[in-house]
C-alpha atoms as a PDB file:
ATOM      1  CA  UNK A   1       4.719   9.649 -39.938  1.00  0.00           C
ATOM      2  CA  UNK A   2       5.166  14.154 -39.724  1.00  0.00           C
ATOM      3  CA  UNK A   3       2.017  15.157 -39.307  1.00  0.00           C
ATOM      4  CA  UNK A   4       1.208  12.264 -35.992  1.00  0.00           C
ATOM      5  CA  UNK A   5       0.207  14.968 -33.923  1.00  0.00           C
ATOM      6  CA  UNK A   6       1.579  15.146 -29.396  1.00  0.00           C
ATOM      7  CA  UNK A   7      -2.013  14.089 -28.757  1.00  0.00           C
ATOM      8  CA  UNK A   8      -1.597  10.516 -31.216  1.00  0.00           C
ATOM      9  CA  UNK A   9       1.417   9.886 -29.087  1.00  0.00           C
ATOM     10  CA  UNK A  10       0.225  10.514 -25.784  1.00  0.00           C
ATOM     11  CA  UNK A  11      -3.231   7.807 -26.790  1.00  0.00           C
ATOM     12  CA  UNK A  12      -1.449   5.622 -28.898  1.00  0.00           C
ATOM     13  CA  UNK A  13       1.607   5.248 -25.720  1.00  0.00           C
ATOM     14  CA  UNK A  14      -1.128   4.355 -23.302  1.00  0.00           C
ATOM     15  CA  UNK A  15      -1.894   2.204 -25.127  1.00  0.00           C
ATOM     16  CA  UNK A  16       1.321   0.270 -25.591  1.00  0.00           C
ATOM     17  CA  UNK A  17       1.579   0.848 -21.581  1.00  0.00           C
ATOM     18  CA  UNK A  18      -1.801  -0.897 -20.854  1.00  0.00           C
ATOM     19  CA  UNK A  19      -2.574  -3.216 -23.596  1.00  0.00           C
ATOM     20  CA  UNK A  20      -6.095  -1.691 -23.309  1.00  0.00           C
ATOM     21  CA  UNK A  21      -8.478   0.784 -24.686  1.00  0.00           C
ATOM     22  CA  UNK A  22     -10.334   1.045 -21.497  1.00  0.00           C
ATOM     23  CA  UNK A  23      -7.995   1.807 -19.405  1.00  0.00           C
ATOM     24  CA  UNK A  24      -5.845   4.485 -22.123  1.00  0.00           C
ATOM     25  CA  UNK A  25      -9.004   6.197 -22.018  1.00  0.00           C
ATOM     26  CA  UNK A  26      -9.399   5.841 -17.922  1.00  0.00           C
ATOM     27  CA  UNK A  27      -5.798   8.042 -17.779  1.00  0.00           C
ATOM     28  CA  UNK A  28      -6.091  10.011 -19.964  1.00  0.00           C
ATOM     29  CA  UNK A  29      -9.878  10.894 -19.011  1.00  0.00           C
ATOM     30  CA  UNK A  30     -11.470   9.892 -22.182  1.00  0.00           C
ATOM     31  CA  UNK A  31     -14.085   7.439 -23.834  1.00  0.00           C
ATOM     32  CA  UNK A  32     -12.686   4.670 -25.484  1.00  0.00           C
ATOM     33  CA  UNK A  33     -14.435   5.660 -29.254  1.00  0.00           C
ATOM     34  CA  UNK A  34     -12.299   9.182 -28.709  1.00  0.00           C
ATOM     35  CA  UNK A  35      -9.127   6.453 -28.219  1.00  0.00           C
ATOM     36  CA  UNK A  36     -10.218   4.188 -31.077  1.00  0.00           C
ATOM     37  CA  UNK A  37     -10.114   7.457 -33.238  1.00  0.00           C
ATOM     38  CA  UNK A  38      -7.056   9.175 -32.277  1.00  0.00           C
ATOM     39  CA  UNK A  39      -5.227   5.311 -33.169  1.00  0.00           C
ATOM     40  CA  UNK A  40      -7.304   5.417 -36.303  1.00  0.00           C
ATOM     41  CA  UNK A  41      -5.571   8.592 -36.945  1.00  0.00           C
ATOM     42  CA  UNK A  42      -2.395   7.320 -36.324  1.00  0.00           C
ATOM     43  CA  UNK A  43      -2.375   3.914 -37.991  1.00  0.00           C
ATOM     44  CA  UNK A  44      -3.599   6.164 -41.415  1.00  0.00           C
ATOM     45  CA  UNK A  45      -0.850   7.975 -40.749  1.00  0.00           C
ATOM     46  CA  UNK A  46       2.212   5.493 -40.877  1.00  0.00           C
ATOM     47  CA  UNK A  47       0.448   3.061 -43.018  1.00  0.00           C
ATOM     48  CA  UNK A  48       0.293   0.179 -41.470  1.00  0.00           C
ATOM     49  CA  UNK A  49      -1.486  -1.822 -37.863  1.00  0.00           C
ATOM     50  CA  UNK A  50      -0.033  -0.829 -35.134  1.00  0.00           C
ATOM     51  CA  UNK A  51      -1.661  -3.595 -33.018  1.00  0.00           C
ATOM     52  CA  UNK A  52      -2.644  -6.400 -33.680  1.00  0.00           C
ATOM     53  CA  UNK A  53      -7.235  -6.577 -32.436  1.00  0.00           C
ATOM     54  CA  UNK A  54      -7.717  -9.972 -33.714  1.00  0.00           C
ATOM     55  CA  UNK A  55      -7.350 -11.780 -30.360  1.00  0.00           C
ATOM     56  CA  UNK A  56      -9.331 -11.208 -27.085  1.00  0.00           C
ATOM     57  CA  UNK A  57      -5.754  -9.314 -26.260  1.00  0.00           C
ATOM     58  CA  UNK A  58      -4.540  -6.109 -27.517  1.00  0.00           C
ATOM     59  CA  UNK A  59      -0.829  -6.194 -28.311  1.00  0.00           C
ATOM     60  CA  UNK A  60       1.090  -4.087 -30.132  1.00  0.00           C
ATOM     61  CA  UNK A  61       2.371  -5.362 -33.669  1.00  0.00           C
ATOM     62  CA  UNK A  62       5.817  -5.205 -35.002  1.00  0.00           C
ATOM     63  CA  UNK A  63       5.798  -1.343 -36.676  1.00  0.00           C
ATOM     64  CA  UNK A  64       4.242  -1.012 -32.804  1.00  0.00           C
ATOM     65  CA  UNK A  65       7.126  -1.512 -30.978  1.00  0.00           C
ATOM     66  CA  UNK A  66       9.299   0.553 -33.218  1.00  0.00           C
ATOM     67  CA  UNK A  67       7.221   2.970 -33.360  1.00  0.00           C
ATOM     68  CA  UNK A  68       6.230   3.771 -29.642  1.00  0.00           C
ATOM     69  CA  UNK A  69      10.596   2.969 -29.346  1.00  0.00           C
ATOM     70  CA  UNK A  70      10.905   6.321 -30.639  1.00  0.00           C
ATOM     71  CA  UNK A  71       7.086   7.735 -29.479  1.00  0.00           C
ATOM     72  CA  UNK A  72       8.843   7.757 -25.797  1.00  0.00           C
ATOM     73  CA  UNK A  73      11.570   9.234 -27.583  1.00  0.00           C
ATOM     74  CA  UNK A  74       9.500  12.425 -28.425  1.00  0.00           C
ATOM     75  CA  UNK A  75       7.333  12.268 -25.186  1.00  0.00           C
ATOM     76  CA  UNK A  76      10.638  11.815 -22.964  1.00  0.00           C
ATOM     77  CA  UNK A  77      11.621  14.924 -24.866  1.00  0.00           C
ATOM     78  CA  UNK A  78       8.556  17.383 -24.236  1.00  0.00           C
ATOM     79  CA  UNK A  79       8.580  16.654 -21.038  1.00  0.00           C
ATOM     80  CA  UNK A  80      12.380  17.216 -20.609  1.00  0.00           C
ATOM     81  CA  UNK A  81      11.485  20.837 -22.641  1.00  0.00           C
ATOM     82  CA  UNK A  82       8.420  21.556 -20.156  1.00  0.00           C
ATOM     83  CA  UNK A  83      10.525  21.477 -18.168  1.00  0.00           C
ATOM     84  CA  UNK A  84      12.724  23.528 -18.013  1.00  0.00           C
ATOM     85  CA  UNK A  85      10.402  26.505 -19.876  1.00  0.00           C
ATOM     86  CA  UNK A  86       8.828  25.842 -16.308  1.00  0.00           C
ATOM     87  CA  UNK A  87      12.107  25.750 -14.153  1.00  0.00           C
ATOM     88  CA  UNK A  88      12.713  28.937 -16.134  1.00  0.00           C
ATOM     89  CA  UNK A  89       9.370  30.372 -15.136  1.00  0.00           C
ATOM     90  CA  UNK A  90       9.923  29.218 -11.576  1.00  0.00           C
ATOM     91  CA  UNK A  91       6.245  27.801 -11.664  1.00  0.00           C
ATOM     92  CA  UNK A  92       5.214  25.452  -9.049  1.00  0.00           C
ATOM     93  CA  UNK A  93       2.847  24.100 -11.197  1.00  0.00           C
ATOM     94  CA  UNK A  94       2.062  20.842 -13.378  1.00  0.00           C
ATOM     95  CA  UNK A  95       2.536  17.169 -12.849  1.00  0.00           C
ATOM     96  CA  UNK A  96       4.331  15.093 -10.341  1.00  0.00           C
ATOM     97  CA  UNK A  97       4.803  11.958 -12.020  1.00  0.00           C
ATOM     98  CA  UNK A  98       5.782   9.287  -9.091  1.00  0.00           C
ATOM     99  CA  UNK A  99       5.734   5.429  -8.565  1.00  0.00           C
ATOM    100  CA  UNK A 100       6.132   3.243  -5.974  1.00  0.00           C
ATOM    101  CA  UNK A 101       7.241  -0.230  -4.611  1.00  0.00           C
ATOM    102  CA  UNK A 102       3.518  -2.021  -3.379  1.00  0.00           C
ATOM    103  CA  UNK A 103       4.491  -1.722   0.250  1.00  0.00           C
ATOM    104  CA  UNK A 104       4.756   1.805   0.780  1.00  0.00           C
ATOM    105  CA  UNK A 105       1.195   3.071  -0.301  1.00  0.00           C
ATOM    106  CA  UNK A 106       0.448   2.508   3.405  1.00  0.00           C
ATOM    107  CA  UNK A 107       2.666   5.779   4.195  1.00  0.00           C
ATOM    108  CA  UNK A 108       2.362   7.315   0.340  1.00  0.00           C
ATOM    109  CA  UNK A 109      -0.376   8.518  -0.716  1.00  0.00           C
ATOM    110  CA  UNK A 110      -0.596  10.471   2.670  1.00  0.00           C
ATOM    111  CA  UNK A 111       2.295  11.907   2.272  1.00  0.00           C
ATOM    112  CA  UNK A 112       0.862  12.723  -1.284  1.00  0.00           C
ATOM    113  CA  UNK A 113      -1.633  14.145   0.186  1.00  0.00           C
ATOM    114  CA  UNK A 114       0.238  16.939   2.286  1.00  0.00           C
ATOM    115  CA  UNK A 115       2.529  17.653  -0.231  1.00  0.00           C
ATOM    116  CA  UNK A 116      -0.445  18.989  -2.342  1.00  0.00           C
ATOM    117  CA  UNK A 117      -1.686  20.705   0.516  1.00  0.00           C
ATOM    118  CA  UNK A 118       0.956  22.863   0.477  1.00  0.00           C
ATOM    119  CA  UNK A 119       1.439  22.550  -3.435  1.00  0.00           C
ATOM    120  CA  UNK A 120      -2.587  22.668  -4.613  1.00  0.00           C
ATOM    121  CA  UNK A 121      -1.800  23.339  -8.197  1.00  0.00           C
ATOM    122  CA  UNK A 122       0.708  20.498  -9.764  1.00  0.00           C
ATOM    123  CA  UNK A 123      -1.985  17.044 -10.842  1.00  0.00           C
ATOM    124  CA  UNK A 124      -0.581  14.113  -9.222  1.00  0.00           C
ATOM    125  CA  UNK A 125      -0.103  11.154 -10.966  1.00  0.00           C
ATOM    126  CA  UNK A 126       0.913   8.006  -8.796  1.00  0.00           C
ATOM    127  CA  UNK A 127       1.897   4.617 -10.419  1.00  0.00           C
ATOM    128  CA  UNK A 128       2.150   2.032  -7.568  1.00  0.00           C
ATOM    129  CA  UNK A 129       4.194  -1.405  -9.336  1.00  0.00           C
ATOM    130  CA  UNK A 130       3.875  -4.877  -7.588  1.00  0.00           C
ATOM    131  CA  UNK A 131       8.237  -5.157  -7.754  1.00  0.00           C
ATOM    132  CA  UNK A 132      11.500  -3.171  -7.797  1.00  0.00           C
ATOM    133  CA  UNK A 133      12.040  -4.280 -11.454  1.00  0.00           C
ATOM    134  CA  UNK A 134       8.756  -3.433 -12.358  1.00  0.00           C
ATOM    135  CA  UNK A 135       9.813   0.724 -10.815  1.00  0.00           C
ATOM    136  CA  UNK A 136      12.502   0.302 -13.091  1.00  0.00           C
ATOM    137  CA  UNK A 137      10.833  -0.588 -16.159  1.00  0.00           C
ATOM    138  CA  UNK A 138       8.758   2.950 -15.711  1.00  0.00           C
ATOM    139  CA  UNK A 139      12.000   4.756 -14.065  1.00  0.00           C
ATOM    140  CA  UNK A 140      13.896   3.966 -17.762  1.00  0.00           C
ATOM    141  CA  UNK A 141      10.428   4.128 -19.841  1.00  0.00           C
ATOM    142  CA  UNK A 142      10.170   8.221 -18.565  1.00  0.00           C
ATOM    143  CA  UNK A 143       6.534   7.288 -17.170  1.00  0.00           C
ATOM    144  CA  UNK A 144       8.457   8.312 -14.040  1.00  0.00           C
ATOM    145  CA  UNK A 145      10.762  10.884 -12.536  1.00  0.00           C
ATOM    146  CA  UNK A 146      10.114   9.957  -9.367  1.00  0.00           C
ATOM    147  CA  UNK A 147       9.576   6.400  -7.358  1.00  0.00           C
ATOM    148  CA  UNK A 148      10.064   5.310  -3.353  1.00  0.00           C
ATOM    149  CA  UNK A 149      11.396   1.592  -2.996  1.00  0.00           C
ATOM    150  CA  UNK A 150      13.301   0.101  -0.509  1.00  0.00           C
ATOM    151  CA  UNK A 151      15.999  -1.799  -2.748  1.00  0.00           C
ATOM    152  CA  UNK A 152      17.279   1.239  -5.241  1.00  0.00           C
ATOM    153  CA  UNK A 153      18.026  -0.379  -8.425  1.00  0.00           C
ATOM    154  CA  UNK A 154      21.963  -1.688  -9.322  1.00  0.00           C
ATOM    155  CA  UNK A 155      23.960  -1.678 -12.179  1.00  0.00           C
ATOM    156  CA  UNK A 156      22.137   1.277 -12.835  1.00  0.00           C
ATOM    157  CA  UNK A 157      22.865   5.733 -12.590  1.00  0.00           C
ATOM    158  CA  UNK A 158      20.608   6.575  -9.931  1.00  0.00           C
ATOM    159  CA  UNK A 159      20.646   9.115  -7.289  1.00  0.00           C
ATOM    160  CA  UNK A 160      19.056   6.523  -4.428  1.00  0.00           C
ATOM    161  CA  UNK A 161      18.277   8.923  -1.448  1.00  0.00           C
ATOM    162  CA  UNK A 162      17.028   7.253   1.811  1.00  0.00           C
ATOM    163  CA  UNK A 163      14.543   9.478   4.128  1.00  0.00           C
ATOM    164  CA  UNK A 164      13.656   7.075   7.201  1.00  0.00           C
ATOM    165  CA  UNK A 165      13.712   3.460   8.306  1.00  0.00           C
ATOM    166  CA  UNK A 166      11.498   1.074   6.470  1.00  0.00           C
ATOM    167  CA  UNK A 167      10.988  -2.141  10.107  1.00  0.00           C
ATOM    168  CA  UNK A 168      10.042  -4.965   9.204  1.00  0.00           C
ATOM    169  CA  UNK A 169       8.377  -7.575  11.996  1.00  0.00           C
ATOM    170  CA  UNK A 170       7.129 -11.232  13.002  1.00  0.00           C
ATOM    171  CA  UNK A 171       2.868 -11.501  12.654  1.00  0.00           C
ATOM    172  CA  UNK A 172       1.171 -14.073  13.292  1.00  0.00           C
ATOM    173  CA  UNK A 173      -2.434 -14.532  14.156  1.00  0.00           C
ATOM    174  CA  UNK A 174      -3.963 -12.691  17.806  1.00  0.00           C
ATOM    175  CA  UNK A 175      -4.870 -16.591  18.871  1.00  0.00           C
ATOM    176  CA  UNK A 176      -0.849 -17.659  18.542  1.00  0.00           C
ATOM    177  CA  UNK A 177       0.946 -19.170  21.434  1.00  0.00           C
ATOM    178  CA  UNK A 178       3.411 -16.233  19.839  1.00  0.00           C
ATOM    179  CA  UNK A 179       1.885 -13.313  20.465  1.00  0.00           C
ATOM    180  CA  UNK A 180       0.829 -14.171  24.164  1.00  0.00           C
ATOM    181  CA  UNK A 181       4.860 -14.687  24.352  1.00  0.00           C
ATOM    182  CA  UNK A 182       6.813 -12.698  26.669  1.00  0.00           C
ATOM    183  CA  UNK A 183      10.573 -12.698  23.685  1.00  0.00           C
ATOM    184  CA  UNK A 184      10.161 -15.117  21.512  1.00  0.00           C
ATOM    185  CA  UNK A 185      13.293 -16.885  20.006  1.00  0.00           C
ATOM    186  CA  UNK A 186      14.956 -18.020  16.697  1.00  0.00           C
ATOM    187  CA  UNK A 187      15.481 -21.413  17.627  1.00  0.00           C
ATOM    188  CA  UNK A 188      11.579 -21.504  18.190  1.00  0.00           C
ATOM    189  CA  UNK A 189      10.481 -20.425  13.990  1.00  0.00           C
ATOM    190  CA  UNK A 190      12.079 -23.422  13.163  1.00  0.00           C
ATOM    191  CA  UNK A 191       9.079 -25.295  13.221  1.00  0.00           C
ATOM    192  CA  UNK A 192       7.041 -22.670  12.406  1.00  0.00           C
ATOM    193  CA  UNK A 193       5.120 -22.593   9.367  1.00  0.00           C
ATOM    194  CA  UNK A 194       6.180 -19.562   6.698  1.00  0.00           C
ATOM    195  CA  UNK A 195       4.214 -17.633   4.363  1.00  0.00           C
ATOM    196  CA  UNK A 196       6.174 -15.444   2.192  1.00  0.00           C
ATOM    197  CA  UNK A 197       6.454 -13.724  -1.121  1.00  0.00           C
ATOM    198  CA  UNK A 198       7.468 -13.816  -4.037  1.00  0.00           C
ATOM    199  CA  UNK A 199      11.539 -13.776  -5.439  1.00  0.00           C
ATOM    200  CA  UNK A 200      12.212 -10.513  -5.865  1.00  0.00           C
ATOM    201  CA  UNK A 201      10.367  -8.854  -3.337  1.00  0.00           C
ATOM    202  CA  UNK A 202      11.483  -6.520  -1.004  1.00  0.00           C
ATOM    203  CA  UNK A 203      10.045  -8.047   2.105  1.00  0.00           C
ATOM    204  CA  UNK A 204      10.810 -11.754   0.651  1.00  0.00           C
ATOM    205  CA  UNK A 205      14.095 -10.621   0.454  1.00  0.00           C
ATOM    206  CA  UNK A 206      14.644  -9.389   3.782  1.00  0.00           C
ATOM    207  CA  UNK A 207      13.346 -12.637   5.245  1.00  0.00           C
ATOM    208  CA  UNK A 208      16.307 -14.349   2.915  1.00  0.00           C
ATOM    209  CA  UNK A 209      18.317 -12.137   4.972  1.00  0.00           C
ATOM    210  CA  UNK A 210      17.432 -12.603   8.215  1.00  0.00           C
ATOM    211  CA  UNK A 211      17.476 -16.549   8.009  1.00  0.00           C
ATOM    212  CA  UNK A 212      21.102 -16.473   6.484  1.00  0.00           C
ATOM    213  CA  UNK A 213      21.804 -14.815   8.820  1.00  0.00           C
ATOM    214  CA  UNK A 214      20.597 -17.362  11.343  1.00  0.00           C
ATOM    215  CA  UNK A 215      21.330 -20.350   9.407  1.00  0.00           C
ATOM    216  CA  UNK A 216      18.459 -21.153   9.154  1.00  0.00           C
ATOM    217  CA  UNK A 217      15.773 -21.939   5.874  1.00  0.00           C
ATOM    218  CA  UNK A 218      12.121 -21.455   6.580  1.00  0.00           C
ATOM    219  CA  UNK A 219       9.772 -23.532   6.064  1.00  0.00           C
ATOM    220  CA  UNK A 220       7.860 -22.276   3.379  1.00  0.00           C
ATOM    221  CA  UNK A 221       3.709 -23.432   2.702  1.00  0.00           C
ATOM    222  CA  UNK A 222       2.552 -20.814   0.879  1.00  0.00           C
ATOM    223  CA  UNK A 223       3.888 -17.785  -1.392  1.00  0.00           C
ATOM    224  CA  UNK A 224       2.126 -14.618  -2.364  1.00  0.00           C
ATOM    225  CA  UNK A 225       2.445 -11.532  -4.644  1.00  0.00           C
ATOM    226  CA  UNK A 226       0.339  -9.602  -2.239  1.00  0.00           C
ATOM    227  CA  UNK A 227       0.779  -8.227   1.363  1.00  0.00           C
ATOM    228  CA  UNK A 228      -2.716  -8.543   1.705  1.00  0.00           C
ATOM    229  CA  UNK A 229      -3.133 -12.058   0.874  1.00  0.00           C
ATOM    230  CA  UNK A 230      -0.501 -12.404   3.346  1.00  0.00           C
ATOM    231  CA  UNK A 231      -2.609 -10.478   6.103  1.00  0.00           C
ATOM    232  CA  UNK A 232      -5.010 -12.334   5.867  1.00  0.00           C
ATOM    233  CA  UNK A 233      -3.479 -15.973   5.972  1.00  0.00           C
ATOM    234  CA  UNK A 234      -1.373 -14.895   8.643  1.00  0.00           C
ATOM    235  CA  UNK A 235      -4.963 -13.708  10.870  1.00  0.00           C
ATOM    236  CA  UNK A 236      -7.097 -17.006   9.319  1.00  0.00           C
ATOM    237  CA  UNK A 237      -3.810 -18.616  10.961  1.00  0.00           C
ATOM    238  CA  UNK A 238      -2.365 -20.531   7.914  1.00  0.00           C
ATOM    239  CA  UNK A 239       1.032 -19.505   8.899  1.00  0.00           C
ATOM    240  CA  UNK A 240       3.310 -17.017  10.430  1.00  0.00           C
ATOM    241  CA  UNK A 241       5.538 -13.918   8.162  1.00  0.00           C
ATOM    242  CA  UNK A 242       7.338 -11.511   8.082  1.00  0.00           C
ATOM    243  CA  UNK A 243       6.359  -8.500   6.801  1.00  0.00           C
ATOM    244  CA  UNK A 244       7.016  -4.943   6.341  1.00  0.00           C
ATOM    245  CA  UNK A 245       5.253  -3.200  10.163  1.00  0.00           C
ATOM    246  CA  UNK A 246       4.070  -0.264   7.344  1.00  0.00           C
ATOM    247  CA  UNK A 247       2.209  -2.886   6.306  1.00  0.00           C
ATOM    248  CA  UNK A 248       0.468  -3.861   9.452  1.00  0.00           C
ATOM    249  CA  UNK A 249       0.208  -0.384  12.484  1.00  0.00           C
ATOM    250  CA  UNK A 250      -4.304  -0.655  10.525  1.00  0.00           C
ATOM    251  CA  UNK A 251      -4.671  -4.263  12.149  1.00  0.00           C
ATOM    252  CA  UNK A 252      -2.506  -4.123  14.969  1.00  0.00           C
ATOM    253  CA  UNK A 253      -3.830  -0.909  16.370  1.00  0.00           C
ATOM    254  CA  UNK A 254      -7.635  -3.002  16.506  1.00  0.00           C
ATOM    255  CA  UNK A 255      -6.109  -6.031  17.256  1.00  0.00           C
ATOM    256  CA  UNK A 256      -6.583  -8.153  14.523  1.00  0.00           C
ATOM    257  CA  UNK A 257      -2.528  -8.719  14.460  1.00  0.00           C
ATOM    258  CA  UNK A 258      -0.217  -9.470  16.664  1.00  0.00           C
ATOM    259  CA  UNK A 259       3.447  -8.391  16.234  1.00  0.00           C
ATOM    260  CA  UNK A 260       5.405  -9.890  19.141  1.00  0.00           C
ATOM    261  CA  UNK A 261       8.920  -9.925  20.352  1.00  0.00           C
ATOM    262  CA  UNK A 262      11.457 -11.365  18.467  1.00  0.00           C
ATOM    263  CA  UNK A 263      14.898 -12.378  18.939  1.00  0.00           C
ATOM    264  CA  UNK A 264      17.239 -10.895  16.153  1.00  0.00           C
ATOM    265  CA  UNK A 265      13.228  -8.847  15.083  1.00  0.00           C
ATOM    266  CA  UNK A 266      12.835  -5.889  13.341  1.00  0.00           C
ATOM    267  CA  UNK A 267      15.326  -6.551  10.751  1.00  0.00           C
ATOM    268  CA  UNK A 268      16.451  -2.302  10.032  1.00  0.00           C
ATOM    269  CA  UNK A 269      15.552  -1.434   6.312  1.00  0.00           C
ATOM    270  CA  UNK A 270      15.581   1.925   5.287  1.00  0.00           C
ATOM    271  CA  UNK A 271      13.137   3.476   2.024  1.00  0.00           C
ATOM    272  CA  UNK A 272      14.646   5.353  -0.709  1.00  0.00           C
ATOM    273  CA  UNK A 273      13.378   8.163  -2.601  1.00  0.00           C
ATOM    274  CA  UNK A 274      15.334   7.307  -5.825  1.00  0.00           C
ATOM    275  CA  UNK A 275      15.990   9.204  -9.105  1.00  0.00           C
ATOM    276  CA  UNK A 276      17.427   8.805 -13.147  1.00  0.00           C
ATOM    277  CA  UNK A 277      20.595  10.194 -13.145  1.00  0.00           C
ATOM    278  CA  UNK A 278      20.273  10.636 -16.312  1.00  0.00           C
ATOM    279  CA  UNK A 279      17.281  12.913 -16.192  1.00  0.00           C
ATOM    280  CA  UNK A 280      16.505  16.335 -15.029  1.00  0.00           C
ATOM    281  CA  UNK A 281      14.332  17.065 -12.620  1.00  0.00           C
ATOM    282  CA  UNK A 282      10.514  18.691 -13.407  1.00  0.00           C
ATOM    283  CA  UNK A 283      10.095  21.686 -10.368  1.00  0.00           C
ATOM    284  CA  UNK A 284       7.566  20.059  -8.665  1.00  0.00           C
ATOM    285  CA  UNK A 285       9.425  16.407  -8.995  1.00  0.00           C
ATOM    286  CA  UNK A 286      11.982  18.333  -7.503  1.00  0.00           C
ATOM    287  CA  UNK A 287       9.985  19.895  -4.698  1.00  0.00           C
ATOM    288  CA  UNK A 288       8.889  16.219  -3.298  1.00  0.00           C
ATOM    289  CA  UNK A 289      12.240  15.188  -3.252  1.00  0.00           C
ATOM    290  CA  UNK A 290      13.055  18.081  -0.455  1.00  0.00           C
ATOM    291  CA  UNK A 291       9.590  17.204   1.108  1.00  0.00           C
ATOM    292  CA  UNK A 292       9.617  13.552   1.386  1.00  0.00           C
ATOM    293  CA  UNK A 293      13.414  14.044   2.218  1.00  0.00           C
ATOM    294  CA  UNK A 294      12.348  17.017   5.132  1.00  0.00           C
ATOM    295  CA  UNK A 295       9.295  15.262   6.351  1.00  0.00           C
ATOM    296  CA  UNK A 296       9.361  11.490   5.891  1.00  0.00           C
ATOM    297  CA  UNK A 297      11.473  10.430   7.980  1.00  0.00           C
ATOM    298  CA  UNK A 298       8.898  11.805  10.796  1.00  0.00           C
ATOM    299  CA  UNK A 299       5.489  10.841   9.402  1.00  0.00           C
ATOM    300  CA  UNK A 300       6.079   6.910   9.714  1.00  0.00           C
ATOM    301  CA  UNK A 301       7.550   7.957  13.300  1.00  0.00           C
ATOM    302  CA  UNK A 302       4.324   9.149  14.086  1.00  0.00           C
ATOM    303  CA  UNK A 303       2.015   6.280  12.335  1.00  0.00           C
ATOM    304  CA  UNK A 304       3.833   3.593  12.937  1.00  0.00           C
ATOM    305  CA  UNK A 305       4.613   2.098  15.750  1.00  0.00           C
ATOM    306  CA  UNK A 306       5.484  -1.459  17.600  1.00  0.00           C
ATOM    307  CA  UNK A 307       4.422  -0.910  21.105  1.00  0.00           C
ATOM    308  CA  UNK A 308       6.091   2.697  22.509  1.00  0.00           C
ATOM    309  CA  UNK A 309       9.201   2.495  20.866  1.00  0.00           C
ATOM    310  CA  UNK A 310       9.643   3.902  17.122  1.00  0.00           C
ATOM    311  CA  UNK A 311      11.159   1.347  15.712  1.00  0.00           C
ATOM    312  CA  UNK A 312      12.075   3.596  12.591  1.00  0.00           C
ATOM    313  CA  UNK A 313      14.792   5.162  14.498  1.00  0.00           C
ATOM    314  CA  UNK A 314      15.706   2.011  16.930  1.00  0.00           C
ATOM    315  CA  UNK A 315      18.470  -0.065  15.532  1.00  0.00           C
ATOM    316  CA  UNK A 316      18.390  -4.331  16.686  1.00  0.00           C
ATOM    317  CA  UNK A 317      20.847  -6.282  17.473  1.00  0.00           C
ATOM    318  CA  UNK A 318      20.181  -8.169  14.188  1.00  0.00           C
ATOM    319  CA  UNK A 319      21.313  -5.048  11.967  1.00  0.00           C
ATOM    320  CA  UNK A 320      24.405  -4.993  14.409  1.00  0.00           C
ATOM    321  CA  UNK A 321      24.454  -8.441  13.269  1.00  0.00           C
ATOM    322  CA  UNK A 322      24.519  -8.400   9.870  1.00  0.00           C
ATOM    323  CA  UNK A 323      26.629  -5.656   9.440  1.00  0.00           C
ATOM    324  CA  UNK A 324      29.313  -6.997  11.050  1.00  0.00           C
ATOM    325  CA  UNK A 325      29.031 -10.338   9.163  1.00  0.00           C
ATOM    326  CA  UNK A 326      29.215  -8.165   6.000  1.00  0.00           C
ATOM    327  CA  UNK A 327      32.197  -6.052   6.855  1.00  0.00           C
ATOM    328  CA  UNK A 328      33.987  -9.278   7.557  1.00  0.00           C
END
């Protein structure tokens, strides 16, 4: 592979990540034939096929798996070299690779837009993952430098810095009796049907912690892997849910969904900006890290509030009880 080019390796890594020539072409701003040509030239250089194209879906061959592992090391080393040179030159330009869990999509793009106004020379590349596990894979493979997530990774050397509170509230349809209640007691939740996220998601973990604190088991009637789908089901009167306040701001503003005051709620969690300790951040990533640590909390307080109280700054009785039980 002495004559393989970095361009070919980047194209190969993109196709391997998406398992799609068309999606890789979109990511790289190339045509699909151009992507196919780069892969063909690389396979000629290797002497063996890297992808299995016999089925309807593209998949890596065994040789492709081995080549991909080494390709990622090469590309990671090149990114480190580029970052080092940029630091010596003192540049605030170049790419910024950020990943986020899906719940963060309701606020992070606007924060990135503000950051971009201050740093117009930075090219932002954003990856959206459905849960924490997918974000961890992206970081471990070197596809992103920073991640915006709720619960930091465990068992892996990272720096996880909280930048804002992340409240989870009960949501119901506007016709639900809870929507007209002054305050919903926890005991009333036992007779309700819950629509929940999948295990492993931060939203599901918040519900599990809340129920465990009150020694209750929710009546789960539906499980969905999308906050948007849950919101639609709740608005249709199919059940109630515990969701991040940051996911329902628009619906609350337009009175499409209700978030009644409930005993023990909101569940207060935290948003974190995370990076792996094994890698020195590039200047753009370091700049965005400082930006979100300084501006993230105030931005969320301005744009997301429950009633007249910015919940991001309020500690609920539930949080205090949960902390006490953990200390015990």
